[in-house]
């Protein structure tokens, strides 16, 4: 296999860099190779699959990636989610059609397993289209005599909103669409058996730098310890008691997270008063005294919190019991960009949240700038803190999770790439995962999940990174954790970079794969030594420990 990869900053993407045309008409010197695979090494380790049965085997005397069955809607994908303008080319050899809607081809700007542009051959033609979830939308078609067993070289070029599909010796299809602006490249075999070979992905040279091929590896028991201070644009982190991490980064029209600062300060002691104030418009600092019971009612016990709120417990026993907090607009799969009225700027501190019949805290629908700090979470029926559906700029810090199973979800579904890709940027630090069994966190699609200085004690697994999520694990302490960090998990693999972690009595090392953005390029933070975490975190995490 001949592979070359290049890294381009995700914020800039490749927009404006592509001047390449299809390989048949473009001199090779005009393009830079992002990725190439002729499957000559006998494997397809750099590809993530969804559906079907994929393997490398000889086709017409050469090794090729083959999908044999005709009963599956099968896809594989590779590359980086930040790729924008490029051309994907492959030799596609259909061998058997499984039905009238069967097809085989290439895909571009793949977001998750079910959202992408495609160029494919069918039994009677050439199709350029897009897939959104389970729906295929042809954007341009042309008649083409397709014979099974014959190889067709397909090239799909994406540049801005322009799409161009070509087949060697055949028609050229064009269309314009703005649904997907970035994503990986892929191969598709929809209810078709087919072989694929000589895959190349090219763009005009952007002055790139080589990056590491994403073959899974494992970490040693004690990983290299970084410098105690990680520099950022401002080398001084925010003072204690102020939002830090991704919640402190300006974006989406919000300069950091301030909660209800500047608004009235109220104290609530009963359910009616609490539900009244969290639903009011405008900024409020809502102080919770004692225990407030949240009934299940018609909302399954989930209660909406509106923008610009600080909810903070008084003393060491402030409790929300029996229900949970919902931060976000109602679910709408058709919304794929942050709406102007997205819920934002919320602080939740110094509470014990327990006994919910659903999630203890749910963050959804592009909510942003949320700080969840110094709380205790226990006995929820589903998630403790679930963050999903395009939410962004969140920090979860100094919390104690115990007597709970599914702790932290970041990204809820494999088909949510249209909402989640490029978002779900969350910092998790100084949390105590105290026999919280799993999802600490379980991550899909996240553009940056920064997991540092957490204490993991007697868990099934720590972090799982899937669907190309980017996770950095630093200076955490794992004691008696079966799998501290996983990329080989349910669904497509994600990425993990780890450094400075300590593993004691763990059954497996941390799995690593690929590269991830450095959070220090966005915010300042200071690492505590991993060896100190078993002392520091239990002493400081949870309700009643604001200091």
Protein backbone atom coordinates (compact mmCIF):
# COMPACT_ATOMS: atom_id res chain seq x y z
CA UNK A 1 0.00 0.00 0.00
CA UNK A 2 1.27 3.46 -0.92
CA UNK A 3 -0.08 6.04 1.50
CA UNK A 4 0.74 9.70 2.00
CA UNK A 5 -1.28 11.86 4.38
CA UNK A 6 -1.14 15.59 4.96
CA UNK A 7 -2.49 17.62 7.83
CA UNK A 8 -4.40 20.86 7.23
CA UNK A 9 -5.64 23.03 10.15
CA UNK A 10 -9.28 22.17 10.75
CA UNK A 11 -10.30 25.78 11.20
CA UNK A 12 -9.09 26.72 7.76
CA UNK A 13 -10.04 23.45 6.06
CA UNK A 14 -8.96 23.09 2.46
CA UNK A 15 -11.32 25.73 1.11
CA UNK A 16 -9.85 27.60 -1.80
CA UNK A 17 -6.96 25.14 -2.10
CA UNK A 18 -8.43 22.81 -4.69
CA UNK A 19 -7.58 23.39 -8.31
CA UNK A 20 -7.43 19.71 -9.25
CA UNK A 21 -9.54 18.15 -11.97
CA UNK A 22 -10.09 14.46 -12.59
CA UNK A 23 -6.89 12.45 -12.93
CA UNK A 24 -7.60 11.70 -16.57
CA UNK A 25 -7.22 15.34 -17.56
CA UNK A 26 -4.97 16.78 -14.83
CA UNK A 27 -1.16 16.67 -14.88
CA UNK A 28 0.01 14.93 -11.68
CA UNK A 29 2.27 17.85 -10.75
CA UNK A 30 -0.79 20.05 -10.13
CA UNK A 31 -2.14 18.01 -7.23
CA UNK A 32 -0.97 16.85 -3.81
CA UNK A 33 -1.96 13.43 -2.56
CA UNK A 34 -3.94 13.39 0.67
CA UNK A 35 -4.39 9.63 0.67
CA UNK A 36 -3.78 6.66 -1.64
CA UNK A 37 -4.45 2.94 -1.25
CA UNK A 38 -3.94 0.12 -3.74
CA UNK A 39 -4.50 -2.56 -1.05
CA UNK A 40 -1.20 -4.15 -1.98
CA UNK A 41 -0.41 -4.86 1.68
CA UNK A 42 -3.44 -7.14 1.92
CA UNK A 43 -5.45 -5.14 4.47
CA UNK A 44 -7.79 -2.18 4.77
CA UNK A 45 -6.75 -1.01 8.23
CA UNK A 46 -7.10 2.67 7.36
CA UNK A 47 -10.79 2.30 6.52
CA UNK A 48 -13.79 2.30 8.86
CA UNK A 49 -16.71 0.19 7.68
CA UNK A 50 -20.46 0.33 8.18
CA UNK A 51 -22.51 -2.58 6.88
CA UNK A 52 -21.55 -5.36 4.52
CA UNK A 53 -18.58 -7.71 4.55
CA UNK A 54 -15.33 -6.10 3.41
CA UNK A 55 -12.03 -7.86 2.76
CA UNK A 56 -8.99 -7.58 0.52
CA UNK A 57 -8.67 -10.33 -2.09
CA UNK A 58 -7.42 -10.72 -5.68
CA UNK A 59 -9.60 -9.25 -8.45
CA UNK A 60 -8.40 -9.62 -12.05
CA UNK A 61 -4.99 -10.59 -10.71
CA UNK A 62 -4.51 -7.61 -8.34
CA UNK A 63 -5.46 -7.13 -4.69
CA UNK A 64 -8.62 -5.06 -4.22
CA UNK A 65 -11.08 -4.19 -1.46
CA UNK A 66 -14.13 -6.37 -2.06
CA UNK A 67 -17.66 -6.22 -0.74
CA UNK A 68 -19.22 -9.60 -1.67
CA UNK A 69 -22.81 -9.52 -0.44
CA UNK A 70 -25.81 -7.93 -2.13
CA UNK A 71 -28.10 -7.67 0.90
CA UNK A 72 -26.37 -4.78 2.69
CA UNK A 73 -26.12 -1.02 2.29
CA UNK A 74 -22.36 -1.10 2.77
CA UNK A 75 -19.90 1.78 3.17
CA UNK A 76 -16.28 2.36 4.14
CA UNK A 77 -14.59 5.68 4.77
CA UNK A 78 -11.18 7.15 5.51
CA UNK A 79 -9.40 10.45 6.01
CA UNK A 80 -10.14 13.51 8.10
CA UNK A 81 -13.48 15.09 8.94
CA UNK A 82 -12.00 18.54 8.23
CA UNK A 83 -11.26 17.80 4.57
CA UNK A 84 -13.19 20.26 2.41
CA UNK A 85 -12.26 20.60 -1.27
CA UNK A 86 -10.77 17.52 -2.92
CA UNK A 87 -11.18 14.80 -5.55
CA UNK A 88 -11.68 11.14 -4.68
CA UNK A 89 -10.94 8.67 -7.48
CA UNK A 90 -11.23 4.87 -7.50
CA UNK A 91 -11.52 1.93 -9.83
CA UNK A 92 -14.97 0.46 -9.20
CA UNK A 93 -15.84 -3.01 -10.51
CA UNK A 94 -19.48 -4.06 -9.87
CA UNK A 95 -19.96 -7.82 -10.00
CA UNK A 96 -23.56 -8.43 -8.89
CA UNK A 97 -26.60 -6.20 -8.45
CA UNK A 98 -28.94 -6.97 -5.57
CA UNK A 99 -31.94 -4.98 -6.79
CA UNK A 100 -33.22 -2.11 -8.89
CA UNK A 101 -31.72 0.53 -6.56
CA UNK A 102 -28.31 -1.13 -6.28
CA UNK A 103 -25.17 0.87 -7.02
CA UNK A 104 -21.43 1.09 -6.36
CA UNK A 105 -19.14 4.10 -6.31
CA UNK A 106 -17.20 6.72 -4.39
CA UNK A 107 -18.25 9.21 -1.70
CA UNK A 108 -17.03 12.61 -0.56
CA UNK A 109 -17.58 14.83 2.48
CA UNK A 110 -18.73 11.83 4.46
CA UNK A 111 -20.19 12.80 7.84
CA UNK A 112 -20.81 9.69 9.88
CA UNK A 113 -21.97 6.56 8.15
CA UNK A 114 -25.11 7.95 6.53
CA UNK A 115 -24.45 11.48 5.24
CA UNK A 116 -22.36 12.18 2.14
CA UNK A 117 -22.18 13.02 -1.57
CA UNK A 118 -21.76 10.08 -3.93
CA UNK A 119 -20.96 9.22 -7.54
CA UNK A 120 -22.00 5.71 -8.50
CA UNK A 121 -22.68 3.36 -11.34
CA UNK A 122 -25.94 1.43 -11.44
CA UNK A 123 -27.29 -1.24 -13.76
CA UNK A 124 -28.34 1.45 -16.23
CA UNK A 125 -26.43 4.64 -15.61
CA UNK A 126 -24.27 7.09 -13.70
CA UNK A 127 -25.66 8.97 -10.66
CA UNK A 128 -24.35 11.99 -8.77
CA UNK A 129 -26.27 12.56 -5.55
CA UNK A 130 -26.35 13.00 -1.81
CA UNK A 131 -27.40 10.81 1.05
CA UNK A 132 -29.02 12.24 4.17
CA UNK A 133 -29.65 9.53 6.73
CA UNK A 134 -31.52 6.83 4.84
CA UNK A 135 -32.62 9.07 1.98
CA UNK A 136 -30.82 9.15 -1.39
CA UNK A 137 -31.35 12.29 -3.50
CA UNK A 138 -30.06 12.17 -7.11
CA UNK A 139 -28.66 15.55 -8.14
CA UNK A 140 -27.67 14.59 -11.71
CA UNK A 141 -27.90 11.41 -13.80
CA UNK A 142 -26.79 10.12 -17.20
CA UNK A 143 -27.30 6.95 -19.20
CA UNK A 144 -24.28 4.64 -19.20
CA UNK A 145 -23.95 1.08 -20.37
CA UNK A 146 -22.67 -0.71 -17.27
CA UNK A 147 -21.49 -4.32 -17.48
CA UNK A 148 -20.83 -6.37 -14.37
CA UNK A 149 -17.25 -7.52 -14.10
CA UNK A 150 -15.98 -4.38 -15.86
CA UNK A 151 -13.88 -1.76 -14.03
CA UNK A 152 -14.95 1.91 -14.17
CA UNK A 153 -12.71 4.72 -12.96
CA UNK A 154 -14.91 7.19 -11.08
CA UNK A 155 -13.81 10.64 -9.88
CA UNK A 156 -15.90 12.83 -7.60
CA UNK A 157 -14.68 16.40 -7.10
CA UNK A 158 -16.10 18.66 -4.37
CA UNK A 159 -15.14 22.34 -4.37
CA UNK A 160 -17.19 24.79 -2.34
CA UNK A 161 -20.78 24.06 -3.32
CA UNK A 162 -19.81 22.63 -6.73
CA UNK A 163 -19.91 18.89 -7.34
CA UNK A 164 -18.41 17.24 -10.43
CA UNK A 165 -18.55 13.53 -11.23
CA UNK A 166 -16.65 11.82 -14.03
CA UNK A 167 -16.24 8.31 -15.37
CA UNK A 168 -13.38 7.54 -17.72
CA UNK A 169 -14.70 7.41 -21.28
CA UNK A 170 -18.17 8.45 -20.17
CA UNK A 171 -20.29 11.50 -19.28
CA UNK A 172 -19.52 14.28 -16.81
CA UNK A 173 -22.16 15.20 -14.21
CA UNK A 174 -22.32 18.50 -12.33
CA UNK A 175 -24.48 19.85 -9.51
CA UNK A 176 -24.47 22.48 -6.80
CA UNK A 177 -25.35 21.76 -3.16
CA UNK A 178 -24.39 23.22 0.22
CA UNK A 179 -25.56 20.46 2.58
CA UNK A 180 -22.08 19.15 3.40
CA UNK A 181 -18.98 21.37 3.36
CA UNK A 182 -16.43 19.03 4.98
CA UNK A 183 -15.96 15.34 5.61
CA UNK A 184 -14.07 12.15 4.88
CA UNK A 185 -13.87 10.19 1.64
CA UNK A 186 -15.47 6.80 1.12
CA UNK A 187 -16.53 3.86 -1.03
CA UNK A 188 -20.12 2.65 -1.28
CA UNK A 189 -21.71 -0.62 -2.33
CA UNK A 190 -25.45 -0.29 -1.93
CA UNK A 191 -27.00 -3.74 -2.29
CA UNK A 192 -24.22 -4.57 -4.73
CA UNK A 193 -21.18 -6.81 -4.76
CA UNK A 194 -18.17 -4.89 -6.04
CA UNK A 195 -14.41 -4.55 -5.96
CA UNK A 196 -12.53 -1.29 -5.38
CA UNK A 197 -8.90 -0.49 -6.20
CA UNK A 198 -6.40 2.32 -6.80
CA UNK A 199 -8.07 4.84 -4.50
CA UNK A 200 -6.58 8.34 -4.51
CA UNK A 201 -7.68 11.54 -2.80
CA UNK A 202 -6.02 14.69 -4.08
CA UNK A 203 -6.02 18.45 -3.72
CA UNK A 204 -3.80 21.37 -4.74
CA UNK A 205 -0.76 21.64 -2.42
CA UNK A 206 -1.64 23.78 0.66
CA UNK A 207 1.87 23.73 2.11
CA UNK A 208 1.02 20.64 4.18
CA UNK A 209 2.83 18.74 6.88
CA UNK A 210 2.86 14.97 7.20
CA UNK A 211 0.75 13.46 9.96
CA UNK A 212 0.62 10.04 11.54
CA UNK A 213 -1.29 7.24 9.84
CA UNK A 214 -4.21 6.22 12.09
CA UNK A 215 -3.21 2.62 12.72
CA UNK A 216 -4.28 1.66 16.28
CA UNK A 217 -1.48 1.30 18.81
CA UNK A 218 -1.41 0.99 22.59
CA UNK A 219 0.19 3.02 25.35
CA UNK A 220 2.58 1.82 28.03
CA UNK A 221 1.37 1.43 31.59
CA UNK A 222 2.79 4.83 32.45
CA UNK A 223 2.89 7.20 29.51
CA UNK A 224 5.37 10.05 29.01
CA UNK A 225 4.81 12.92 31.39
CA UNK A 226 4.42 16.32 29.72
CA UNK A 227 5.53 19.65 31.08
CA UNK A 228 3.49 20.65 34.16
CA UNK A 229 2.31 23.74 32.34
CA UNK A 230 0.74 23.57 28.90
CA UNK A 231 1.10 26.94 27.18
CA UNK A 232 -1.76 28.51 25.28
CA UNK A 233 -2.52 31.89 23.73
CA UNK A 234 -2.80 33.17 27.32
CA UNK A 235 -0.41 31.20 29.56
CA UNK A 236 -2.51 31.90 32.67
CA UNK A 237 -5.68 29.83 33.13
CA UNK A 238 -8.79 31.52 34.58
CA UNK A 239 -8.76 31.83 38.38
CA UNK A 240 -10.55 29.26 40.52
CA UNK A 241 -14.29 29.75 40.52
CA UNK A 242 -14.38 30.92 36.90
CA UNK A 243 -15.31 28.87 33.81
CA UNK A 244 -12.34 27.35 32.03
CA UNK A 245 -11.76 24.93 29.16
CA UNK A 246 -14.04 25.05 26.16
CA UNK A 247 -16.74 26.91 28.12
CA UNK A 248 -14.34 29.88 28.38
CA UNK A 249 -13.66 30.17 24.64
CA UNK A 250 -15.51 32.90 22.75
CA UNK A 251 -17.70 31.79 19.87
CA UNK A 252 -21.21 31.70 18.46
CA UNK A 253 -21.74 35.28 19.57
CA UNK A 254 -20.91 34.52 23.20
CA UNK A 255 -17.73 35.71 24.94
CA UNK A 256 -17.17 32.94 27.45
CA UNK A 257 -19.70 31.69 29.98
CA UNK A 258 -21.15 34.08 32.56
CA UNK A 259 -24.47 32.46 33.42
CA UNK A 260 -26.88 34.75 35.20
CA UNK A 261 -24.29 37.37 36.16
CA UNK A 262 -25.83 40.82 36.25
CA UNK A 263 -29.34 39.52 36.84
CA UNK A 264 -31.40 39.23 40.03
CA UNK A 265 -30.19 36.83 42.74
CA UNK A 266 -33.03 34.68 44.08
CA UNK A 267 -33.18 31.81 46.57
CA UNK A 268 -35.61 28.93 45.97
CA UNK A 269 -36.71 26.34 48.52
CA UNK A 270 -39.56 24.54 46.75
CA UNK A 271 -40.40 22.95 43.41
CA UNK A 272 -42.73 25.67 42.18
CA UNK A 273 -40.24 28.45 42.78
CA UNK A 274 -37.38 26.53 41.18
CA UNK A 275 -39.34 25.65 38.03
CA UNK A 276 -40.60 29.21 37.73
CA UNK A 277 -37.16 30.84 37.77
CA UNK A 278 -35.29 28.38 35.52
CA UNK A 279 -37.92 28.97 32.81
CA UNK A 280 -37.92 32.77 32.95
CA UNK A 281 -36.28 34.84 30.20
CA UNK A 282 -33.23 36.91 30.99
CA UNK A 283 -30.33 36.43 33.43
CA UNK A 284 -30.91 35.05 36.93
CA UNK A 285 -28.69 33.67 39.65
CA UNK A 286 -30.86 30.95 41.21
CA UNK A 287 -29.67 29.74 44.62
CA UNK A 288 -31.01 26.34 45.69
CA UNK A 289 -31.55 25.74 49.41
CA UNK A 290 -32.18 22.20 50.69
CA UNK A 291 -33.85 19.47 48.63
CA UNK A 292 -36.16 20.18 45.71
CA UNK A 293 -38.17 17.28 44.33
CA UNK A 294 -38.81 17.25 40.59
CA UNK A 295 -41.89 15.17 39.73
CA UNK A 296 -42.01 12.96 36.65
CA UNK A 297 -45.18 14.59 35.29
CA UNK A 298 -45.80 14.83 31.55
CA UNK A 299 -42.15 15.64 30.77
CA UNK A 300 -40.64 12.38 32.10
CA UNK A 301 -39.12 14.49 34.82
CA UNK A 302 -37.01 16.66 32.48
CA UNK A 303 -37.32 20.43 32.95
CA UNK A 304 -36.10 23.11 30.54
CA UNK A 305 -33.54 25.68 31.60
CA UNK A 306 -33.51 28.90 29.58
CA UNK A 307 -30.45 30.94 28.57
CA UNK A 308 -28.37 33.13 30.91
CA UNK A 309 -28.86 31.23 34.15
CA UNK A 310 -26.65 30.33 37.08
CA UNK A 311 -28.08 27.54 39.22
CA UNK A 312 -25.99 27.10 42.36
CA UNK A 313 -26.58 25.17 45.55
CA UNK A 314 -26.18 26.78 48.99
CA UNK A 315 -24.04 24.91 51.50
CA UNK A 316 -23.21 21.23 51.18
CA UNK A 317 -26.61 19.55 50.82
CA UNK A 318 -28.49 21.33 48.00
CA UNK A 319 -30.24 18.59 46.03
CA UNK A 320 -32.42 18.12 42.95
CA UNK A 321 -34.15 14.78 43.30
CA UNK A 322 -36.41 12.69 41.04
CA UNK A 323 -35.97 14.64 37.81
CA UNK A 324 -33.41 16.23 35.53
CA UNK A 325 -32.48 19.44 33.74
CA UNK A 326 -32.85 19.83 29.97
CA UNK A 327 -30.67 22.46 28.32
CA UNK A 328 -31.74 22.86 24.71
CA UNK A 329 -34.47 23.37 22.18
CA UNK A 330 -36.79 20.50 21.17
CA UNK A 331 -35.17 17.83 19.01
CA UNK A 332 -35.27 18.51 15.26
CA UNK A 333 -33.12 16.35 12.97
CA UNK A 334 -33.64 18.77 10.10
CA UNK A 335 -31.75 21.56 11.88
CA UNK A 336 -28.06 21.13 11.04
CA UNK A 337 -26.62 24.53 12.03
CA UNK A 338 -26.85 26.50 15.28
CA UNK A 339 -30.16 28.44 15.36
CA UNK A 340 -30.19 32.03 16.58
CA UNK A 341 -32.29 31.05 19.60
CA UNK A 342 -30.10 28.15 20.73
CA UNK A 343 -30.00 27.87 24.53
CA UNK A 344 -26.71 29.24 25.85
CA UNK A 345 -24.71 30.66 28.76
CA UNK A 346 -25.66 28.40 31.67
CA UNK A 347 -23.75 27.54 34.85
CA UNK A 348 -24.74 24.65 37.14
CA UNK A 349 -22.70 24.29 40.36
CA UNK A 350 -22.72 22.78 43.83
CA UNK A 351 -25.76 20.52 43.49
CA UNK A 352 -26.45 16.87 44.13
CA UNK A 353 -28.57 15.60 41.25
CA UNK A 354 -30.05 12.19 41.92
CA UNK A 355 -32.86 9.76 41.16
CA UNK A 356 -33.95 11.09 37.74
CA UNK A 357 -36.19 8.86 35.64
CA UNK A 358 -34.25 9.99 32.54
CA UNK A 359 -31.01 12.01 32.35
CA UNK A 360 -29.76 14.04 35.28
CA UNK A 361 -28.56 16.74 32.85
CA UNK A 362 -29.23 16.69 29.11
CA UNK A 363 -27.61 19.24 26.75
CA UNK A 364 -28.92 19.22 23.17
CA UNK A 365 -29.76 21.07 19.94
CA UNK A 366 -26.72 23.34 19.54
CA UNK A 367 -26.75 24.62 23.12
CA UNK A 368 -23.44 26.29 23.90
CA UNK A 369 -21.33 27.82 26.62
CA UNK A 370 -22.32 25.54 29.48
CA UNK A 371 -20.29 25.06 32.67
CA UNK A 372 -21.15 22.08 34.92
CA UNK A 373 -18.91 22.25 37.97
CA UNK A 374 -18.59 20.84 41.49
CA UNK A 375 -21.74 18.71 41.42
CA UNK A 376 -22.50 15.18 42.58
CA UNK A 377 -24.43 12.82 40.29
CA UNK A 378 -26.02 9.51 41.29
CA UNK A 379 -28.79 7.04 40.52
CA UNK A 380 -30.05 8.47 37.25
CA UNK A 381 -32.03 6.14 35.04
CA UNK A 382 -30.08 7.08 31.89
CA UNK A 383 -27.17 9.51 31.47
CA UNK A 384 -25.63 11.65 34.18
CA UNK A 385 -24.54 14.39 31.75
CA UNK A 386 -25.42 13.78 28.09
CA UNK A 387 -24.18 16.32 25.52
CA UNK A 388 -25.43 15.88 21.97
CA UNK A 389 -26.99 17.22 18.77
CA UNK A 390 -24.48 19.90 17.87
CA UNK A 391 -23.92 21.31 21.36
CA UNK A 392 -20.59 23.08 21.84
CA UNK A 393 -18.30 25.02 24.19
CA UNK A 394 -18.96 22.95 27.34
CA UNK A 395 -16.81 22.26 30.41
CA UNK A 396 -17.56 19.49 32.92
CA UNK A 397 -15.24 19.90 35.90
CA UNK A 398 -14.75 18.81 39.52
CA UNK A 399 -17.84 16.57 39.61
CA UNK A 400 -18.35 13.32 41.54
CA UNK A 401 -20.11 10.48 39.71
CA UNK A 402 -21.16 7.47 41.79
CA UNK A 403 -23.90 4.81 41.97
CA UNK A 404 -24.47 5.36 38.29
CA UNK A 405 -24.04 3.26 35.14
CA UNK A 406 -24.06 5.31 31.90
CA UNK A 407 -22.22 8.41 32.96
CA UNK A 408 -21.25 10.80 30.17
CA UNK A 409 -22.44 10.66 26.57
CA UNK A 410 -20.88 13.00 24.02
CA UNK A 411 -22.68 12.48 20.71
CA UNK A 412 -25.75 10.24 20.81
CA UNK A 413 -25.95 8.39 17.49
CA UNK A 414 -23.90 7.21 14.52
CA UNK A 415 -26.20 9.04 12.09
CA UNK A 416 -25.88 12.41 13.84
CA UNK A 417 -22.82 13.60 11.89
CA UNK A 418 -24.73 16.37 10.11
CA UNK A 419 -25.39 18.05 13.46
CA UNK A 420 -22.30 16.98 15.39
CA UNK A 421 -19.31 17.13 13.04
CA UNK A 422 -17.08 20.09 13.86
CA UNK A 423 -18.86 20.64 17.18
CA UNK A 424 -19.22 18.82 20.53
CA UNK A 425 -16.10 20.54 21.89
CA UNK A 426 -16.01 19.66 25.58
CA UNK A 427 -13.43 19.78 28.39
CA UNK A 428 -13.64 17.15 31.17
CA UNK A 429 -11.23 17.76 34.05
CA UNK A 430 -10.80 16.87 37.72
CA UNK A 431 -13.87 14.62 37.80
CA UNK A 432 -14.13 11.62 40.14
CA UNK A 433 -15.49 8.57 38.32
CA UNK A 434 -16.21 6.57 41.44
CA UNK A 435 -17.32 3.11 40.29
CA UNK A 436 -19.38 4.79 37.54
CA UNK A 437 -19.38 1.81 35.27
CA UNK A 438 -19.15 3.11 31.69
CA UNK A 439 -19.25 6.13 29.35
CA UNK A 440 -16.69 8.22 31.17
CA UNK A 441 -17.18 9.66 28.50
CA UNK A 442 -18.36 7.71 25.41
CA UNK A 443 -17.61 10.01 22.45
CA UNK A 444 -18.84 10.26 18.85
CA UNK A 445 -17.89 12.91 16.24
CA UNK A 446 -16.43 15.41 18.75
CA UNK A 447 -14.07 17.95 17.19
CA UNK A 448 -12.21 18.14 20.54
CA UNK A 449 -12.82 16.23 23.75
CA UNK A 450 -10.13 17.17 26.27
CA UNK A 451 -9.98 14.71 29.17
CA UNK A 452 -7.39 15.61 31.78
CA UNK A 453 -6.64 15.19 35.49
CA UNK A 454 -9.61 12.89 36.14
CA UNK A 455 -9.63 10.05 38.67
CA UNK A 456 -11.03 6.74 37.44
CA UNK A 457 -11.75 4.23 40.19
CA UNK A 458 -13.03 0.69 39.51
CA UNK A 459 -14.79 1.21 36.16
CA UNK A 460 -15.65 -1.08 33.26
CA UNK A 461 -14.13 1.38 30.82
CA UNK A 462 -12.96 4.96 30.87
CA UNK A 463 -13.08 6.76 27.53
CA UNK A 464 -14.39 5.38 24.22
CA UNK A 465 -13.71 7.40 21.05
CA UNK A 466 -15.71 6.50 17.94
CA UNK A 467 -16.87 7.98 14.63
CA UNK A 468 -13.67 9.98 14.16
CA UNK A 469 -14.02 11.83 17.46
CA UNK A 470 -10.84 13.63 18.56
CA UNK A 471 -9.94 12.87 22.21
CA UNK A 472 -6.86 14.03 24.11
CA UNK A 473 -6.29 12.18 27.41
CA UNK A 474 -3.72 13.81 29.73
CA UNK A 475 -2.48 13.15 33.25
CA UNK A 476 -5.45 11.03 34.32
CA UNK A 477 -5.16 8.31 36.97
CA UNK A 478 -6.81 4.93 36.35
CA UNK A 479 -7.17 2.40 39.13
CA UNK A 480 -8.77 -0.99 38.45
CA UNK A 481 -10.27 0.00 35.10
CA UNK A 482 -10.75 -2.81 32.61
CA UNK A 483 -10.32 -0.63 29.49
CA UNK A 484 -9.04 2.88 30.28
CA UNK A 485 -9.27 4.15 26.70
CA UNK A 486 -10.77 2.55 23.61
CA UNK A 487 -10.95 3.26 19.88
CA UNK A 488 -11.84 -0.31 18.94
CA UNK A 489 -15.41 -0.17 20.13
CA UNK A 490 -18.94 -0.37 18.76
CA UNK A 491 -19.09 1.38 15.37
CA UNK A 492 -16.44 3.29 13.45
CA UNK A 493 -13.19 4.06 15.23
CA UNK A 494 -12.32 7.43 16.68
CA UNK A 495 -9.00 9.02 17.59
CA UNK A 496 -7.17 9.15 20.92
CA UNK A 497 -3.87 10.79 21.78
CA UNK A 498 -2.69 10.09 25.32
CA UNK A 499 0.17 11.35 27.46
CA UNK A 500 1.12 11.44 31.12
CA UNK A 501 -1.57 8.98 32.30
CA UNK A 502 -1.02 6.45 35.09
CA UNK A 503 -2.64 2.99 34.96
CA UNK A 504 -2.71 0.78 38.07
CA UNK A 505 -4.25 -2.73 38.10
CA UNK A 506 -5.85 -2.15 34.71
CA UNK A 507 -6.42 -5.04 32.31
CA UNK A 508 -5.66 -3.19 29.08
CA UNK A 509 -3.56 -0.22 27.98
CA UNK A 510 -4.99 2.94 26.43
CA UNK A 511 -5.59 2.46 22.72
CA UNK A 512 -4.33 5.32 20.55
CA UNK A 513 -5.07 6.28 16.97
CA UNK A 514 -4.44 9.30 14.76
CA UNK A 515 -3.87 12.91 15.71
CA UNK A 516 -6.09 15.44 17.49
CA UNK A 517 -6.14 19.24 17.90
CA UNK A 518 -4.13 20.70 20.78
CA UNK A 519 -6.50 22.45 23.23
CA UNK A 520 -3.69 24.82 24.22
CA UNK A 521 -4.24 26.53 20.88
CA UNK A 522 -7.69 27.58 22.13
CA UNK A 523 -7.43 28.02 25.91
CA UNK A 524 -4.89 27.99 28.73
CA UNK A 525 -4.86 25.21 31.30
CA UNK A 526 -2.51 23.84 33.94
CA UNK A 527 -1.93 20.12 34.50
CA UNK A 528 -1.62 18.60 37.95
CA UNK A 529 0.80 15.66 38.16
CA UNK A 530 -1.05 12.42 37.50
CA UNK A 531 0.39 10.84 40.66
CA UNK A 532 -1.40 13.49 42.78
CA UNK A 533 -4.84 12.93 41.25
CA UNK A 534 -6.04 10.21 43.74
CA UNK A 535 -5.54 12.77 46.51
CA UNK A 536 -6.54 16.01 44.82
CA UNK A 537 -9.72 14.94 43.04
CA UNK A 538 -11.67 13.11 45.80
CA UNK A 539 -10.85 15.97 48.15
CA UNK A 540 -12.16 18.62 45.78
CA UNK A 541 -14.81 17.08 43.53
CA UNK A 542 -18.55 17.16 44.20
CA UNK A 543 -21.15 19.16 46.08
CA UNK A 544 -20.10 21.11 49.16
CA UNK A 545 -16.51 21.59 48.01
CA UNK A 546 -16.49 24.95 46.28
CA UNK A 547 -13.81 26.10 48.72
